[in-house]
Amino acid sequence: MKPGARNLITDVAGLYVGNAGDEVIKTGATVMVGDAPFTAGVHIMGGAPGTRETALLAPDKLVQEVDALVLSGGSAFGLDAASGVADGLRAQGRGFLVGDQRVPIVPGAILFDLLNGGDKAWAENPYKALGRAALEAAGSEFALGTAGAGVGATVDGLKGGLGSASLVLECGITVGALVAVNALGAVTMGDGPAFWAAPWEMNDEFGGRGIGTHDPTFEPRPEARLGENTTIAIVATDAVLTQAQATRLATAAHDGMARAIHPSHTPFDGDLVFAAATGARALPDAGFDALRLGHAAATCLARAIARGVYAAKPTPEDTMPTWAEKFS
């Protein structure tokens, strides 16, 4: 396996990502959209999720494909970002056909960034506009770090951010990950700069600081930040997958979150992974290639988490330093 040309989830051909953010509010939204609807699944392991339209991603439900996936800040307010995306897609004539009406299918997930130093005294919910702006910005290239849904994100002791990474398997299938990192846990080991994801780093993509050391007797004591959390992600591939297989891919990808965040999947995080499959390439070996896809998705997600934090930029009124401010 090796990273794709961009080392972004958009190395999966036909997928595009757009970001929109507000650095005064310290929040934002990110959308992933395709040339055409794509198969999607979801798996939730955090204890405090915030979601839209995730129930319809179960394999037994009527709709088998979606038009876009949305990651947003704003806690429950941020669910409205998907409404802005749906409006934009409907204006483009896209959506699930019901009679003579098009209904865009836009599942979404949110993270909590309401206590990060930004001005939250808005007169009108800003997330619908942020969602539509993110859709309009969608392309093959997009910013990491303090961008989109990562604008207001934090982790234990540092600013969080938006991350992405990709891999191309030997069989030619591409896998990518996109994540807004806003965790209760830490992404670096102890007081040092080394990332928990370091064993999976490729080409010094998050600083090449190597593998640090940690205290195996460490016991998390993050009481001051309970409820200010959630890491939300998308993993994607150009493989042909059923909705059940996409759900299994999302489940496997959670291993990457556990590798990169310590601790992860807590009762106070809404940790969630969407999976998307464009169906451009058949799996040469349906059994073992599905295994390889899961491994690649977990590896990409671990790398994407570290890249998101590594790329964060300082902004006024930050409550946490960036990785670069603390360690460079």
C-alpha atoms as a PDB file:
ATOM      1  CA  MET A   1       0.000   0.000   0.000  1.00  0.00           C
ATOM      2  CA  LYS A   2       1.053   3.561  -0.658  1.00  0.00           C
ATOM      3  CA  PRO A   3      -0.619   6.973  -0.322  1.00  0.00           C
ATOM      4  CA  GLY A   4      -2.583   8.279  -3.281  1.00  0.00           C
ATOM      5  CA  ALA A   5      -1.427  11.228  -5.346  1.00  0.00           C
ATOM      6  CA  ARG A   6      -3.031  13.838  -3.064  1.00  0.00           C
ATOM      7  CA  ASN A   7      -3.004  11.831   0.185  1.00  0.00           C
ATOM      8  CA  LEU A   8      -6.615  12.956   0.575  1.00  0.00           C
ATOM      9  CA  ILE A   9      -9.950  11.156   0.544  1.00  0.00           C
ATOM     10  CA  THR A  10     -10.506  12.699  -2.894  1.00  0.00           C
ATOM     11  CA  ASP A  11      -7.952  10.252  -4.289  1.00  0.00           C
ATOM     12  CA  VAL A  12     -11.096   8.107  -4.521  1.00  0.00           C
ATOM     13  CA  ALA A  13     -12.157   9.193  -7.996  1.00  0.00           C
ATOM     14  CA  GLY A  14     -15.529  10.914  -8.246  1.00  0.00           C
ATOM     15  CA  LEU A  15     -15.570  12.219  -4.659  1.00  0.00           C
ATOM     16  CA  TYR A  16     -15.166  15.884  -3.708  1.00  0.00           C
ATOM     17  CA  VAL A  17     -14.846  17.709  -0.386  1.00  0.00           C
ATOM     18  CA  GLY A  18     -15.799  21.260   0.490  1.00  0.00           C
ATOM     19  CA  ASN A  19     -15.143  23.303   3.623  1.00  0.00           C
ATOM     20  CA  ALA A  20     -16.751  26.412   5.062  1.00  0.00           C
ATOM     21  CA  GLY A  21     -15.854  28.025   8.370  1.00  0.00           C
ATOM     22  CA  ASP A  22     -16.356  31.055  10.560  1.00  0.00           C
ATOM     23  CA  GLU A  23     -13.302  31.937  12.654  1.00  0.00           C
ATOM     24  CA  VAL A  24     -15.275  34.462  14.747  1.00  0.00           C
ATOM     25  CA  ILE A  25     -17.741  31.797  15.852  1.00  0.00           C
ATOM     26  CA  LYS A  26     -14.893  29.226  15.699  1.00  0.00           C
ATOM     27  CA  THR A  27     -16.871  26.586  13.888  1.00  0.00           C
ATOM     28  CA  GLY A  28     -17.523  25.203  10.438  1.00  0.00           C
ATOM     29  CA  ALA A  29     -18.848  22.444   8.218  1.00  0.00           C
ATOM     30  CA  THR A  30     -17.406  19.960   5.746  1.00  0.00           C
ATOM     31  CA  VAL A  31     -19.262  18.086   3.008  1.00  0.00           C
ATOM     32  CA  MET A  32     -18.291  15.125   0.867  1.00  0.00           C
ATOM     33  CA  VAL A  33     -20.255  14.782  -2.361  1.00  0.00           C
ATOM     34  CA  GLY A  34     -19.889  12.552  -5.398  1.00  0.00           C
ATOM     35  CA  ASP A  35     -20.349  12.734  -9.131  1.00  0.00           C
ATOM     36  CA  ALA A  36     -23.269  10.384  -8.477  1.00  0.00           C
ATOM     37  CA  PRO A  37     -25.013   8.936  -5.419  1.00  0.00           C
ATOM     38  CA  PHE A  38     -22.865   6.415  -3.532  1.00  0.00           C
ATOM     39  CA  THR A  39     -23.419   3.503  -1.181  1.00  0.00           C
ATOM     40  CA  ALA A  40     -22.982   4.435   2.474  1.00  0.00           C
ATOM     41  CA  GLY A  41     -22.972   2.850   5.912  1.00  0.00           C
ATOM     42  CA  VAL A  42     -22.298   4.076   9.435  1.00  0.00           C
ATOM     43  CA  HIS A  43     -21.075   2.766  12.763  1.00  0.00           C
ATOM     44  CA  ILE A  44     -21.297   4.678  16.056  1.00  0.00           C
ATOM     45  CA  MET A  45     -19.092   3.762  19.026  1.00  0.00           C
ATOM     46  CA  GLY A  46     -19.186   6.949  21.098  1.00  0.00           C
ATOM     47  CA  GLY A  47     -21.681   7.379  23.914  1.00  0.00           C
ATOM     48  CA  ALA A  48     -22.929  10.867  22.972  1.00  0.00           C
ATOM     49  CA  PRO A  49     -23.567  11.082  19.206  1.00  0.00           C
ATOM     50  CA  GLY A  50     -25.453  13.750  17.287  1.00  0.00           C
ATOM     51  CA  THR A  51     -26.689  12.611  13.896  1.00  0.00           C
ATOM     52  CA  ARG A  52     -29.094  13.146  11.005  1.00  0.00           C
ATOM     53  CA  GLU A  53     -30.542  10.391   8.787  1.00  0.00           C
ATOM     54  CA  THR A  54     -28.220   7.658  10.028  1.00  0.00           C
ATOM     55  CA  ALA A  55     -31.084   5.198  10.591  1.00  0.00           C
ATOM     56  CA  LEU A  56     -31.733   4.976   6.843  1.00  0.00           C
ATOM     57  CA  LEU A  57     -28.170   3.690   6.318  1.00  0.00           C
ATOM     58  CA  ALA A  58     -29.103   0.305   7.770  1.00  0.00           C
ATOM     59  CA  PRO A  59     -28.918  -2.384   5.062  1.00  0.00           C
ATOM     60  CA  ASP A  60     -32.618  -3.242   5.374  1.00  0.00           C
ATOM     61  CA  LYS A  61     -33.849   0.294   4.620  1.00  0.00           C
ATOM     62  CA  LEU A  62     -35.311   1.468   1.301  1.00  0.00           C
ATOM     63  CA  VAL A  63     -32.667   3.980   0.228  1.00  0.00           C
ATOM     64  CA  GLN A  64     -29.362   2.276  -0.583  1.00  0.00           C
ATOM     65  CA  GLU A  65     -27.374   5.321  -1.745  1.00  0.00           C
ATOM     66  CA  VAL A  66     -26.833   8.873  -0.503  1.00  0.00           C
ATOM     67  CA  ASP A  67     -26.057  12.165  -2.235  1.00  0.00           C
ATOM     68  CA  ALA A  68     -23.632  13.610   0.318  1.00  0.00           C
ATOM     69  CA  LEU A  69     -22.255  13.220   3.834  1.00  0.00           C
ATOM     70  CA  VAL A  70     -21.806  16.164   6.195  1.00  0.00           C
ATOM     71  CA  LEU A  71     -19.527  16.725   9.194  1.00  0.00           C
ATOM     72  CA  SER A  72     -20.210  19.845  11.243  1.00  0.00           C
ATOM     73  CA  GLY A  73     -19.428  21.704  14.404  1.00  0.00           C
ATOM     74  CA  GLY A  74     -22.141  23.301  16.502  1.00  0.00           C
ATOM     75  CA  SER A  75     -23.535  20.383  18.487  1.00  0.00           C
ATOM     76  CA  ALA A  76     -27.275  20.020  17.782  1.00  0.00           C
ATOM     77  CA  PHE A  77     -27.347  23.385  15.991  1.00  0.00           C
ATOM     78  CA  GLY A  78     -24.848  22.004  13.474  1.00  0.00           C
ATOM     79  CA  LEU A  79     -27.258  19.371  12.203  1.00  0.00           C
ATOM     80  CA  ASP A  80     -28.760  22.196  10.138  1.00  0.00           C
ATOM     81  CA  ALA A  81     -25.619  22.192   7.950  1.00  0.00           C
ATOM     82  CA  ALA A  82     -27.034  19.156   6.155  1.00  0.00           C
ATOM     83  CA  SER A  83     -30.184  21.160   5.364  1.00  0.00           C
ATOM     84  CA  GLY A  84     -28.060  23.708   3.521  1.00  0.00           C
ATOM     85  CA  VAL A  85     -26.384  20.922   1.572  1.00  0.00           C
ATOM     86  CA  ALA A  86     -29.772  19.395   0.744  1.00  0.00           C
ATOM     87  CA  ASP A  87     -31.031  22.754  -0.535  1.00  0.00           C
ATOM     88  CA  GLY A  88     -27.972  23.121  -2.756  1.00  0.00           C
ATOM     89  CA  LEU A  89     -28.289  19.605  -4.161  1.00  0.00           C
ATOM     90  CA  ARG A  90     -31.994  20.062  -4.836  1.00  0.00           C
ATOM     91  CA  ALA A  91     -31.214  23.233  -6.767  1.00  0.00           C
ATOM     92  CA  GLN A  92     -28.843  21.101  -8.878  1.00  0.00           C
ATOM     93  CA  GLY A  93     -31.657  18.643  -9.621  1.00  0.00           C
ATOM     94  CA  ARG A  94     -30.157  15.913  -7.470  1.00  0.00           C
ATOM     95  CA  GLY A  95     -31.841  13.618  -4.985  1.00  0.00           C
ATOM     96  CA  PHE A  96     -33.890  10.454  -4.520  1.00  0.00           C
ATOM     97  CA  LEU A  97     -36.761  10.495  -7.013  1.00  0.00           C
ATOM     98  CA  VAL A  98     -40.233  10.337  -5.429  1.00  0.00           C
ATOM     99  CA  GLY A  99     -42.911  10.971  -8.049  1.00  0.00           C
ATOM    100  CA  ASP A 100     -41.891  14.239  -9.658  1.00  0.00           C
ATOM    101  CA  GLN A 101     -39.877  15.394  -6.632  1.00  0.00           C
ATOM    102  CA  ARG A 102     -36.176  15.033  -5.849  1.00  0.00           C
ATOM    103  CA  VAL A 103     -35.252  14.511  -2.186  1.00  0.00           C
ATOM    104  CA  PRO A 104     -31.495  14.744  -1.528  1.00  0.00           C
ATOM    105  CA  ILE A 105     -30.330  12.143   0.977  1.00  0.00           C
ATOM    106  CA  VAL A 106     -27.766  13.843   3.221  1.00  0.00           C
ATOM    107  CA  PRO A 107     -26.792  12.074   6.448  1.00  0.00           C
ATOM    108  CA  GLY A 108     -24.697  14.108   8.845  1.00  0.00           C
ATOM    109  CA  ALA A 109     -22.952  14.104  12.192  1.00  0.00           C
ATOM    110  CA  ILE A 110     -21.891  16.875  14.564  1.00  0.00           C
ATOM    111  CA  LEU A 111     -19.219  17.587  17.128  1.00  0.00           C
ATOM    112  CA  PHE A 112     -19.369  19.883  20.163  1.00  0.00           C
ATOM    113  CA  ASP A 113     -17.415  23.139  19.767  1.00  0.00           C
ATOM    114  CA  LEU A 114     -19.599  25.606  21.686  1.00  0.00           C
ATOM    115  CA  LEU A 115     -17.086  26.335  24.483  1.00  0.00           C
ATOM    116  CA  ASN A 116     -13.944  27.002  22.455  1.00  0.00           C
ATOM    117  CA  GLY A 117     -13.628  30.773  22.777  1.00  0.00           C
ATOM    118  CA  GLY A 118     -15.706  31.762  19.747  1.00  0.00           C
ATOM    119  CA  ASP A 119     -18.632  34.175  19.710  1.00  0.00           C
ATOM    120  CA  LYS A 120     -21.744  31.995  19.821  1.00  0.00           C
ATOM    121  CA  ALA A 121     -24.258  34.841  20.256  1.00  0.00           C
ATOM    122  CA  TRP A 122     -25.729  34.430  16.777  1.00  0.00           C
ATOM    123  CA  ALA A 123     -29.204  35.774  16.057  1.00  0.00           C
ATOM    124  CA  GLU A 124     -29.862  33.023  13.498  1.00  0.00           C
ATOM    125  CA  ASN A 125     -28.449  29.510  13.269  1.00  0.00           C
ATOM    126  CA  PRO A 126     -25.427  29.872  10.926  1.00  0.00           C
ATOM    127  CA  TYR A 127     -25.025  26.217   9.999  1.00  0.00           C
ATOM    128  CA  LYS A 128     -27.460  25.997   7.095  1.00  0.00           C
ATOM    129  CA  ALA A 129     -25.485  28.702   5.297  1.00  0.00           C
ATOM    130  CA  LEU A 130     -22.185  27.058   6.220  1.00  0.00           C
ATOM    131  CA  GLY A 131     -23.406  23.744   4.807  1.00  0.00           C
ATOM    132  CA  ARG A 132     -24.426  25.286   1.491  1.00  0.00           C
ATOM    133  CA  ALA A 133     -21.148  27.221   1.276  1.00  0.00           C
ATOM    134  CA  ALA A 134     -19.203  24.015   1.890  1.00  0.00           C
ATOM    135  CA  LEU A 135     -21.101  22.304  -0.946  1.00  0.00           C
ATOM    136  CA  GLU A 136     -20.340  25.190  -3.300  1.00  0.00           C
ATOM    137  CA  ALA A 137     -16.638  24.913  -2.388  1.00  0.00           C
ATOM    138  CA  ALA A 138     -16.398  21.176  -3.036  1.00  0.00           C
ATOM    139  CA  GLY A 139     -13.438  20.057  -5.099  1.00  0.00           C
ATOM    140  CA  SER A 140     -10.572  17.596  -5.315  1.00  0.00           C
ATOM    141  CA  GLU A 141      -8.257  19.782  -3.212  1.00  0.00           C
ATOM    142  CA  PHE A 142      -9.204  21.108   0.215  1.00  0.00           C
ATOM    143  CA  ALA A 143      -7.526  22.505   3.320  1.00  0.00           C
ATOM    144  CA  LEU A 144      -6.629  20.498   6.416  1.00  0.00           C
ATOM    145  CA  GLY A 145      -6.246  21.602  10.025  1.00  0.00           C
ATOM    146  CA  THR A 146      -8.251  24.691  10.996  1.00  0.00           C
ATOM    147  CA  ALA A 147     -10.761  24.274   8.192  1.00  0.00           C
ATOM    148  CA  GLY A 148     -14.359  23.188   7.765  1.00  0.00           C
ATOM    149  CA  ALA A 149     -15.689  21.096  10.629  1.00  0.00           C
ATOM    150  CA  GLY A 150     -12.240  21.302  12.215  1.00  0.00           C
ATOM    151  CA  VAL A 151     -12.225  25.107  12.668  1.00  0.00           C
ATOM    152  CA  GLY A 152     -13.317  24.945  16.310  1.00  0.00           C
ATOM    153  CA  ALA A 153     -12.144  21.457  17.214  1.00  0.00           C
ATOM    154  CA  THR A 154      -9.961  20.652  20.224  1.00  0.00           C
ATOM    155  CA  VAL A 155      -8.351  17.574  21.763  1.00  0.00           C
ATOM    156  CA  ASP A 156      -6.775  17.030  25.164  1.00  0.00           C
ATOM    157  CA  GLY A 157      -4.308  19.923  25.496  1.00  0.00           C
ATOM    158  CA  LEU A 158      -4.251  20.992  21.827  1.00  0.00           C
ATOM    159  CA  LYS A 159      -6.323  22.417  19.003  1.00  0.00           C
ATOM    160  CA  GLY A 160      -7.911  19.725  16.902  1.00  0.00           C
ATOM    161  CA  GLY A 161      -8.594  19.962  13.202  1.00  0.00           C
ATOM    162  CA  LEU A 162      -9.705  18.448   9.922  1.00  0.00           C
ATOM    163  CA  GLY A 163      -7.545  15.614   8.613  1.00  0.00           C
ATOM    164  CA  SER A 164      -7.419  13.340   5.598  1.00  0.00           C
ATOM    165  CA  ALA A 165      -5.250  10.554   4.172  1.00  0.00           C
ATOM    166  CA  SER A 166      -5.398   7.876   1.475  1.00  0.00           C
ATOM    167  CA  LEU A 167      -3.941   4.536   0.409  1.00  0.00           C
ATOM    168  CA  VAL A 168      -3.844   2.609  -2.852  1.00  0.00           C
ATOM    169  CA  LEU A 169      -3.886  -1.171  -2.403  1.00  0.00           C
ATOM    170  CA  GLU A 170      -1.831  -3.544  -4.536  1.00  0.00           C
ATOM    171  CA  CYS A 171      -4.998  -4.563  -6.368  1.00  0.00           C
ATOM    172  CA  GLY A 172      -5.527  -0.921  -7.433  1.00  0.00           C
ATOM    173  CA  ILE A 173      -8.428  -0.110  -5.128  1.00  0.00           C
ATOM    174  CA  THR A 174      -8.187   3.243  -3.324  1.00  0.00           C
ATOM    175  CA  VAL A 175      -9.220   3.944   0.272  1.00  0.00           C
ATOM    176  CA  GLY A 176      -9.350   7.344   1.950  1.00  0.00           C
ATOM    177  CA  ALA A 177     -10.343   8.935   5.237  1.00  0.00           C
ATOM    178  CA  LEU A 178     -11.692  12.344   6.259  1.00  0.00           C
ATOM    179  CA  VAL A 179     -12.037  13.286   9.929  1.00  0.00           C
ATOM    180  CA  ALA A 180     -12.895  16.208  12.208  1.00  0.00           C
ATOM    181  CA  VAL A 181     -10.804  15.575  15.335  1.00  0.00           C
ATOM    182  CA  ASN A 182     -12.435  16.922  18.495  1.00  0.00           C
ATOM    183  CA  ALA A 183     -11.653  14.335  21.148  1.00  0.00           C
ATOM    184  CA  LEU A 184     -11.826  14.098  24.905  1.00  0.00           C
ATOM    185  CA  GLY A 185      -8.616  12.060  24.664  1.00  0.00           C
ATOM    186  CA  ALA A 186      -5.091  12.933  23.570  1.00  0.00           C
ATOM    187  CA  VAL A 187      -3.535  12.437  20.144  1.00  0.00           C
ATOM    188  CA  THR A 188       0.042  12.804  21.416  1.00  0.00           C
ATOM    189  CA  MET A 189       1.910  10.671  23.952  1.00  0.00           C
ATOM    190  CA  GLY A 190       2.356  12.177  27.391  1.00  0.00           C
ATOM    191  CA  ASP A 191       3.978  15.617  27.323  1.00  0.00           C
ATOM    192  CA  GLY A 192       5.876  14.996  24.092  1.00  0.00           C
ATOM    193  CA  PRO A 193       5.203  15.729  20.411  1.00  0.00           C
ATOM    194  CA  ALA A 194       4.961  12.126  19.171  1.00  0.00           C
ATOM    195  CA  PHE A 195       1.557  11.083  17.889  1.00  0.00           C
ATOM    196  CA  TRP A 196      -0.184   7.910  18.979  1.00  0.00           C
ATOM    197  CA  ALA A 197      -0.628   7.277  15.244  1.00  0.00           C
ATOM    198  CA  ALA A 198       3.152   7.377  14.661  1.00  0.00           C
ATOM    199  CA  PRO A 199       3.537   3.654  13.779  1.00  0.00           C
ATOM    200  CA  TRP A 200       1.317   4.245  10.731  1.00  0.00           C
ATOM    201  CA  GLU A 201       2.876   7.508   9.507  1.00  0.00           C
ATOM    202  CA  MET A 202       3.957   7.662   5.862  1.00  0.00           C
ATOM    203  CA  ASN A 203       6.416  10.121   4.289  1.00  0.00           C
ATOM    204  CA  ASP A 204       6.671  12.264   7.458  1.00  0.00           C
ATOM    205  CA  GLU A 205       3.096  13.425   6.825  1.00  0.00           C
ATOM    206  CA  PHE A 206       2.696  14.635  10.416  1.00  0.00           C
ATOM    207  CA  GLY A 207       6.190  15.699  11.299  1.00  0.00           C
ATOM    208  CA  GLY A 208       8.151  12.467  11.410  1.00  0.00           C
ATOM    209  CA  ARG A 209       8.684  12.751  15.173  1.00  0.00           C
ATOM    210  CA  GLY A 210       8.804   8.978  15.572  1.00  0.00           C
ATOM    211  CA  ILE A 211       7.300   6.821  18.271  1.00  0.00           C
ATOM    212  CA  GLY A 212       7.242   8.305  21.747  1.00  0.00           C
ATOM    213  CA  THR A 213       6.936   6.650  25.115  1.00  0.00           C
ATOM    214  CA  HIS A 214       3.924   6.427  27.373  1.00  0.00           C
ATOM    215  CA  ASP A 215       3.098   5.422  30.904  1.00  0.00           C
ATOM    216  CA  PRO A 216       1.017   2.212  30.822  1.00  0.00           C
ATOM    217  CA  THR A 217      -0.351   3.080  34.275  1.00  0.00           C
ATOM    218  CA  PHE A 218      -1.809   6.358  32.953  1.00  0.00           C
ATOM    219  CA  GLU A 219      -5.406   6.932  34.049  1.00  0.00           C
ATOM    220  CA  PRO A 220      -7.437   9.577  32.174  1.00  0.00           C
ATOM    221  CA  ARG A 221      -8.623  12.488  34.311  1.00  0.00           C
ATOM    222  CA  PRO A 222     -10.339  14.815  31.825  1.00  0.00           C
ATOM    223  CA  GLU A 223     -13.213  15.910  34.080  1.00  0.00           C
ATOM    224  CA  ALA A 224     -12.841  19.590  33.160  1.00  0.00           C
ATOM    225  CA  ARG A 225     -13.824  18.936  29.554  1.00  0.00           C
ATOM    226  CA  LEU A 226     -16.610  16.383  29.732  1.00  0.00           C
ATOM    227  CA  GLY A 227     -19.148  16.942  26.974  1.00  0.00           C
ATOM    228  CA  GLU A 228     -16.893  19.118  24.770  1.00  0.00           C
ATOM    229  CA  ASN A 229     -16.024  16.298  22.438  1.00  0.00           C
ATOM    230  CA  THR A 230     -16.635  13.913  19.501  1.00  0.00           C
ATOM    231  CA  THR A 231     -14.526  12.772  16.580  1.00  0.00           C
ATOM    232  CA  ILE A 232     -16.519  12.257  13.378  1.00  0.00           C
ATOM    233  CA  ALA A 233     -15.127  10.664  10.242  1.00  0.00           C
ATOM    234  CA  ILE A 234     -15.761   9.313   6.756  1.00  0.00           C
ATOM    235  CA  VAL A 235     -13.853   6.480   5.111  1.00  0.00           C
ATOM    236  CA  ALA A 236     -14.346   5.961   1.383  1.00  0.00           C
ATOM    237  CA  THR A 237     -13.340   3.565  -1.378  1.00  0.00           C
ATOM    238  CA  ASP A 238     -13.861   3.088  -5.098  1.00  0.00           C
ATOM    239  CA  ALA A 239     -14.692  -0.587  -4.512  1.00  0.00           C
ATOM    240  CA  VAL A 240     -18.080  -2.146  -5.174  1.00  0.00           C
ATOM    241  CA  LEU A 241     -19.671  -2.645  -1.738  1.00  0.00           C
ATOM    242  CA  THR A 242     -23.163  -3.414  -0.528  1.00  0.00           C
ATOM    243  CA  GLN A 243     -24.604  -1.302   2.257  1.00  0.00           C
ATOM    244  CA  ALA A 244     -23.857  -4.129   4.688  1.00  0.00           C
ATOM    245  CA  GLN A 245     -20.233  -4.245   3.522  1.00  0.00           C
ATOM    246  CA  ALA A 246     -19.963  -0.463   3.838  1.00  0.00           C
ATOM    247  CA  THR A 247     -21.219  -0.749   7.414  1.00  0.00           C
ATOM    248  CA  ARG A 248     -18.545  -3.363   8.112  1.00  0.00           C
ATOM    249  CA  LEU A 249     -15.933  -1.014   6.616  1.00  0.00           C
ATOM    250  CA  ALA A 250     -17.048   1.767   8.963  1.00  0.00           C
ATOM    251  CA  THR A 251     -16.829  -0.637  11.895  1.00  0.00           C
ATOM    252  CA  ALA A 252     -13.280  -1.696  11.000  1.00  0.00           C
ATOM    253  CA  ALA A 253     -12.202   1.932  10.594  1.00  0.00           C
ATOM    254  CA  HIS A 254     -12.892   2.596  14.275  1.00  0.00           C
ATOM    255  CA  ASP A 255      -9.684   0.670  14.991  1.00  0.00           C
ATOM    256  CA  GLY A 256      -7.841   3.628  13.475  1.00  0.00           C
ATOM    257  CA  MET A 257      -9.546   6.007  15.868  1.00  0.00           C
ATOM    258  CA  ALA A 258      -8.516   3.828  18.798  1.00  0.00           C
ATOM    259  CA  ARG A 259      -4.902   3.792  17.545  1.00  0.00           C
ATOM    260  CA  ALA A 260      -4.715   7.581  17.235  1.00  0.00           C
ATOM    261  CA  ILE A 261      -6.706   8.884  20.239  1.00  0.00           C
ATOM    262  CA  HIS A 262      -6.099   7.877  23.857  1.00  0.00           C
ATOM    263  CA  PRO A 263      -8.722   7.180  25.152  1.00  0.00           C
ATOM    264  CA  SER A 264     -11.328   7.033  22.400  1.00  0.00           C
ATOM    265  CA  HIS A 265     -14.996   5.961  22.216  1.00  0.00           C
ATOM    266  CA  THR A 266     -15.721   7.337  25.680  1.00  0.00           C
ATOM    267  CA  PRO A 267     -19.230   7.869  27.094  1.00  0.00           C
ATOM    268  CA  PHE A 268     -18.719  11.606  26.519  1.00  0.00           C
ATOM    269  CA  ASP A 269     -17.658  11.409  22.859  1.00  0.00           C
ATOM    270  CA  GLY A 270     -20.049  10.824  19.975  1.00  0.00           C
ATOM    271  CA  ASP A 271     -17.394   9.012  17.937  1.00  0.00           C
ATOM    272  CA  LEU A 272     -18.824   7.968  14.568  1.00  0.00           C
ATOM    273  CA  VAL A 273     -17.553   6.724  11.208  1.00  0.00           C
ATOM    274  CA  PHE A 274     -19.433   6.871   7.919  1.00  0.00           C
ATOM    275  CA  ALA A 275     -18.278   4.645   5.063  1.00  0.00           C
ATOM    276  CA  ALA A 276     -18.805   5.419   1.383  1.00  0.00           C
ATOM    277  CA  ALA A 277     -18.281   3.282  -1.736  1.00  0.00           C
ATOM    278  CA  THR A 278     -18.484   4.625  -5.278  1.00  0.00           C
ATOM    279  CA  GLY A 279     -18.588   1.156  -6.870  1.00  0.00           C
ATOM    280  CA  ALA A 280     -16.086   1.875  -9.649  1.00  0.00           C
ATOM    281  CA  ARG A 281     -13.945  -1.247  -9.035  1.00  0.00           C
ATOM    282  CA  ALA A 282     -14.943  -4.816  -8.270  1.00  0.00           C
ATOM    283  CA  LEU A 283     -13.122  -6.598  -5.450  1.00  0.00           C
ATOM    284  CA  PRO A 284     -10.807  -9.169  -7.084  1.00  0.00           C
ATOM    285  CA  ASP A 285     -11.104 -11.369  -3.980  1.00  0.00           C
ATOM    286  CA  ALA A 286     -14.386 -10.696  -2.196  1.00  0.00           C
ATOM    287  CA  GLY A 287     -13.205 -12.251   1.064  1.00  0.00           C
ATOM    288  CA  PHE A 288      -9.624 -11.205   1.608  1.00  0.00           C
ATOM    289  CA  ASP A 289      -9.904  -7.880  -0.210  1.00  0.00           C
ATOM    290  CA  ALA A 290     -12.719  -6.904   2.164  1.00  0.00           C
ATOM    291  CA  LEU A 291     -10.291  -7.642   4.994  1.00  0.00           C
ATOM    292  CA  ARG A 292      -7.622  -5.502   3.308  1.00  0.00           C
ATOM    293  CA  LEU A 293     -10.109  -2.663   2.843  1.00  0.00           C
ATOM    294  CA  GLY A 294     -10.885  -2.632   6.558  1.00  0.00           C
ATOM    295  CA  HIS A 295      -7.214  -2.600   7.453  1.00  0.00           C
ATOM    296  CA  ALA A 296      -6.532   0.223   4.992  1.00  0.00           C
ATOM    297  CA  ALA A 297      -9.486   2.250   6.303  1.00  0.00           C
ATOM    298  CA  ALA A 298      -8.244   1.960   9.900  1.00  0.00           C
ATOM    299  CA  THR A 299      -4.716   2.912   8.839  1.00  0.00           C
ATOM    300  CA  CYS A 300      -5.952   5.916   6.843  1.00  0.00           C
ATOM    301  CA  LEU A 301      -8.123   7.124   9.703  1.00  0.00           C
ATOM    302  CA  ALA A 302      -5.280   6.951  12.245  1.00  0.00           C
ATOM    303  CA  ARG A 303      -3.044   8.952   9.892  1.00  0.00           C
ATOM    304  CA  ALA A 304      -5.800  11.440   9.082  1.00  0.00           C
ATOM    305  CA  ILE A 305      -6.398  12.138  12.779  1.00  0.00           C
ATOM    306  CA  ALA A 306      -2.735  13.000  13.356  1.00  0.00           C
ATOM    307  CA  ARG A 307      -2.593  15.079  10.155  1.00  0.00           C
ATOM    308  CA  GLY A 308      -5.616  17.126  11.232  1.00  0.00           C
ATOM    309  CA  VAL A 309      -4.046  18.097  14.552  1.00  0.00           C
ATOM    310  CA  TYR A 310      -0.602  18.591  13.014  1.00  0.00           C
ATOM    311  CA  ALA A 311      -2.012  21.042  10.437  1.00  0.00           C
ATOM    312  CA  ALA A 312      -4.019  23.198  12.881  1.00  0.00           C
ATOM    313  CA  LYS A 313      -3.357  26.953  12.755  1.00  0.00           C
ATOM    314  CA  PRO A 314      -3.656  29.499  15.593  1.00  0.00           C
ATOM    315  CA  THR A 315      -6.544  31.984  15.539  1.00  0.00           C
ATOM    316  CA  PRO A 316      -7.542  34.782  17.955  1.00  0.00           C
ATOM    317  CA  GLU A 317      -9.111  33.799  21.276  1.00  0.00           C
ATOM    318  CA  ASP A 318      -7.981  30.169  21.042  1.00  0.00           C
ATOM    319  CA  THR A 319      -8.362  28.223  24.266  1.00  0.00           C
ATOM    320  CA  MET A 320      -5.729  25.642  23.266  1.00  0.00           C
ATOM    321  CA  PRO A 321      -2.333  25.875  21.536  1.00  0.00           C
ATOM    322  CA  THR A 322      -1.754  24.224  18.187  1.00  0.00           C
ATOM    323  CA  TRP A 323       0.644  21.285  17.907  1.00  0.00           C
ATOM    324  CA  ALA A 324       3.118  23.562  16.123  1.00  0.00           C
ATOM    325  CA  GLU A 325       2.916  26.238  18.815  1.00  0.00           C
ATOM    326  CA  LYS A 326       3.513  23.715  21.567  1.00  0.00           C
ATOM    327  CA  PHE A 327       6.169  21.517  19.975  1.00  0.00           C
ATOM    328  CA  SER A 328       7.922  23.180  17.027  1.00  0.00           C
END
